[in-house]
């Protein structure tokens, strides 16, 4: 039997915030890829200083994206646990730990 949940205004705001953080993470990944492309161009021009600077910048973008992604996943997990607690649903242990190990 399918179970449904009607979001409260507060839950909708939280979900919107999680989605916005996820989009920001994706944008940072895209920025990282574009910056790496520029680093490759600099390498082909034999501009090692610029290439190094751009590679470091790309890695910083990627680190920020990963940090945000972890925050998104943590908040989404908490969000779902709060809903399941409110609705009296149980999360099976194997489902909760899926993808780990």
Protein backbone atom coordinates (compact mmCIF):
# COMPACT_ATOMS: atom_id res chain seq x y z
CA UNK A 1 0.00 0.00 0.00
CA UNK A 2 1.39 3.39 -1.00
CA UNK A 3 1.72 5.95 1.74
CA UNK A 4 1.40 9.66 1.16
CA UNK A 5 2.48 12.68 3.10
CA UNK A 6 1.20 16.22 2.74
CA UNK A 7 4.01 18.69 3.32
CA UNK A 8 3.57 21.40 5.90
CA UNK A 9 4.65 24.90 4.85
CA UNK A 10 7.79 24.50 6.99
CA UNK A 11 8.63 21.15 5.34
CA UNK A 12 8.11 22.70 1.90
CA UNK A 13 10.53 25.51 2.79
CA UNK A 14 13.10 22.99 4.04
CA UNK A 15 12.76 20.91 0.88
CA UNK A 16 13.13 24.04 -1.28
CA UNK A 17 16.28 24.94 0.64
CA UNK A 18 17.71 21.44 0.14
CA UNK A 19 16.96 21.64 -3.59
CA UNK A 20 18.64 25.07 -3.81
CA UNK A 21 21.78 23.71 -2.11
CA UNK A 22 21.80 20.75 -4.49
CA UNK A 23 21.60 23.09 -7.49
CA UNK A 24 24.42 25.20 -6.07
CA UNK A 25 26.54 22.06 -5.73
CA UNK A 26 25.85 21.12 -9.36
CA UNK A 27 26.78 24.65 -10.47
CA UNK A 28 30.08 24.40 -8.62
CA UNK A 29 30.82 21.07 -10.35
CA UNK A 30 30.11 22.68 -13.72
CA UNK A 31 32.37 25.59 -12.82
CA UNK A 32 35.09 23.13 -11.89
CA UNK A 33 34.84 21.41 -15.28
CA UNK A 34 34.94 24.72 -17.16
CA UNK A 35 37.95 25.83 -15.14
CA UNK A 36 39.73 22.55 -15.91
CA UNK A 37 39.06 23.15 -19.61
CA UNK A 38 40.72 26.54 -19.26
CA UNK A 39 43.63 24.87 -17.46
CA UNK A 40 44.06 22.49 -20.39
CA UNK A 41 44.11 25.44 -22.78
CA UNK A 42 46.79 27.10 -20.64
CA UNK A 43 48.81 23.87 -20.63
CA UNK A 44 48.61 23.70 -24.44
CA UNK A 45 49.91 27.29 -24.57
CA UNK A 46 52.73 26.16 -22.26
CA UNK A 47 51.65 28.65 -19.61
CA UNK A 48 52.45 26.46 -16.60
CA UNK A 49 51.75 29.18 -14.03
CA UNK A 50 48.25 29.84 -15.34
CA UNK A 51 47.61 26.12 -15.75
CA UNK A 52 48.55 25.45 -12.12
CA UNK A 53 46.47 28.37 -10.86
CA UNK A 54 43.44 27.17 -12.80
CA UNK A 55 43.86 23.56 -11.65
CA UNK A 56 43.96 24.69 -8.02
CA UNK A 57 40.89 26.87 -8.59
CA UNK A 58 39.05 23.92 -10.19
CA UNK A 59 39.92 21.68 -7.25
CA UNK A 60 38.63 24.33 -4.84
CA UNK A 61 35.33 24.47 -6.75
CA UNK A 62 35.09 20.69 -6.66
CA UNK A 63 35.83 20.60 -2.91
CA UNK A 64 33.11 23.18 -2.27
CA UNK A 65 30.70 21.14 -4.43
CA UNK A 66 31.45 17.95 -2.51
CA UNK A 67 31.11 19.71 0.83
CA UNK A 68 27.70 21.04 -0.21
CA UNK A 69 26.65 17.63 -1.52
CA UNK A 70 27.42 16.06 1.86
CA UNK A 71 25.40 18.80 3.56
CA UNK A 72 22.51 18.20 1.14
CA UNK A 73 22.52 14.46 1.79
CA UNK A 74 22.65 14.95 5.57
CA UNK A 75 19.79 17.45 5.53
CA UNK A 76 17.71 15.29 3.18
CA UNK A 77 18.21 12.25 5.41
CA UNK A 78 17.15 14.28 8.46
CA UNK A 79 14.19 15.66 6.50
CA UNK A 80 12.99 12.15 5.60
CA UNK A 81 13.54 10.86 9.14
CA UNK A 82 11.45 13.74 10.53
CA UNK A 83 8.61 12.95 8.12
CA UNK A 84 8.75 9.24 8.92
CA UNK A 85 8.66 10.02 12.64
CA UNK A 86 5.69 12.39 12.15
CA UNK A 87 3.78 9.82 10.09
CA UNK A 88 4.74 6.87 12.28
CA UNK A 89 6.58 5.17 9.44
CA UNK A 90 9.55 2.93 10.10
CA UNK A 91 12.71 2.89 8.04
CA UNK A 92 14.06 -0.61 7.62
CA UNK A 93 17.68 -0.89 8.69
CA UNK A 94 18.84 -2.40 5.38
CA UNK A 95 17.15 0.43 3.46
CA UNK A 96 18.67 3.03 5.77
CA UNK A 97 22.19 1.64 5.24
CA UNK A 98 21.85 0.98 1.51
CA UNK A 99 24.86 2.12 -0.44
CA UNK A 100 27.26 2.00 2.48
CA UNK A 101 29.96 -0.50 3.12
